[in-house]
Amino acid sequence: MIPDTRYAKSGAVHIAYQVVGEGPIDLVLITGLFSHIEHQWEEPSFARFLERLASFSRLIARVLAAAYP
C-alpha cells in the first residue's frame, strides 16, 4: 500500500513527504534514490525495507529531490 503524499511549505517550495506506521518513535528517512516519492514503493525490496521500518516506528519518508512548486 502506497501511503498518501503530503506537502510541507518552506518559503515558496512545497516538500513532499509520506508518513506510515504508528510506532512509539519517529524515524525520519531521507533518500535520494528516487525522483518521485511514490516510486520508492514500486521497488519490492525497498518497499519491504520501508514496511519493516514502519513496523516499529512512525516512518516519515522524504525524497531529497522531491520538491514541487
Protein backbone atom coordinates (compact mmCIF):
# COMPACT_ATOMS: atom_id res chain seq x y z
CA MET A 1 0.00 0.00 0.00
CA ILE A 2 1.39 3.38 -1.02
CA PRO A 3 0.77 6.00 1.70
CA ASP A 4 -0.69 9.38 0.87
CA THR A 5 1.84 12.01 -0.13
CA ARG A 6 1.67 15.17 1.93
CA TYR A 7 3.34 18.52 1.36
CA ALA A 8 5.03 20.94 3.74
CA LYS A 9 5.64 24.50 2.63
CA SER A 10 9.04 26.10 3.15
CA GLY A 11 9.09 29.57 1.68
CA ALA A 12 7.95 29.19 -1.93
CA VAL A 13 8.77 25.46 -2.05
CA HIS A 14 6.48 22.54 -1.24
CA ILE A 15 8.31 19.48 0.11
CA ALA A 16 6.75 16.06 -0.49
CA TYR A 17 6.75 13.51 2.34
CA GLN A 18 4.87 10.42 3.50
CA VAL A 19 4.04 9.13 6.97
CA VAL A 20 3.48 5.43 7.60
CA GLY A 21 3.39 3.35 10.78
CA GLU A 22 2.26 4.07 14.30
CA GLY A 23 5.26 3.09 16.41
CA PRO A 24 6.38 4.86 19.58
CA ILE A 25 9.31 6.65 17.92
CA ASP A 26 9.52 8.99 14.93
CA LEU A 27 12.02 7.88 12.31
CA VAL A 28 12.88 10.32 9.50
CA LEU A 29 14.26 8.74 6.35
CA ILE A 30 15.63 10.96 3.58
CA THR A 31 16.59 9.17 0.40
CA GLY A 32 17.95 10.39 -2.91
CA LEU A 33 17.35 7.17 -4.85
CA PHE A 34 14.04 8.10 -6.45
CA SER A 35 12.87 11.20 -8.29
CA HIS A 36 9.28 10.86 -7.03
CA ILE A 37 8.37 9.73 -3.54
CA GLU A 38 5.66 7.35 -4.80
CA HIS A 39 8.18 5.44 -6.94
CA GLN A 40 10.06 4.11 -3.92
CA TRP A 41 7.08 1.84 -3.20
CA GLU A 42 7.26 0.30 -6.69
CA GLU A 43 10.61 -1.41 -5.97
CA PRO A 44 9.65 -4.55 -3.99
CA SER A 45 12.84 -4.86 -1.94
CA PHE A 46 12.82 -1.16 -1.00
CA ALA A 47 9.10 -1.30 -0.16
CA ARG A 48 9.80 -4.21 2.22
CA PHE A 49 12.57 -2.13 3.82
CA LEU A 50 10.16 0.78 4.34
CA GLU A 51 7.48 -1.52 5.74
CA ARG A 52 9.99 -3.01 8.18
CA LEU A 53 10.98 0.44 9.41
CA ALA A 54 7.30 1.36 9.80
CA SER A 55 6.66 -1.79 11.84
CA PHE A 56 8.39 -0.32 14.91
CA SER A 57 8.19 3.43 14.26
CA ARG A 58 6.24 6.23 12.71
CA LEU A 59 8.24 6.48 9.50
CA ILE A 60 8.44 9.92 7.92
CA ALA A 61 9.89 9.47 4.45
CA ARG A 62 11.12 12.22 2.18
CA VAL A 63 12.98 12.07 -1.10
CA LEU A 64 15.82 14.57 -1.25
CA ALA A 65 14.91 15.73 -4.76
CA ALA A 66 11.14 15.78 -4.21
CA ALA A 67 10.37 19.47 -4.04
CA TYR A 68 7.42 20.65 -6.13
CA PRO A 69 6.26 24.20 -6.82
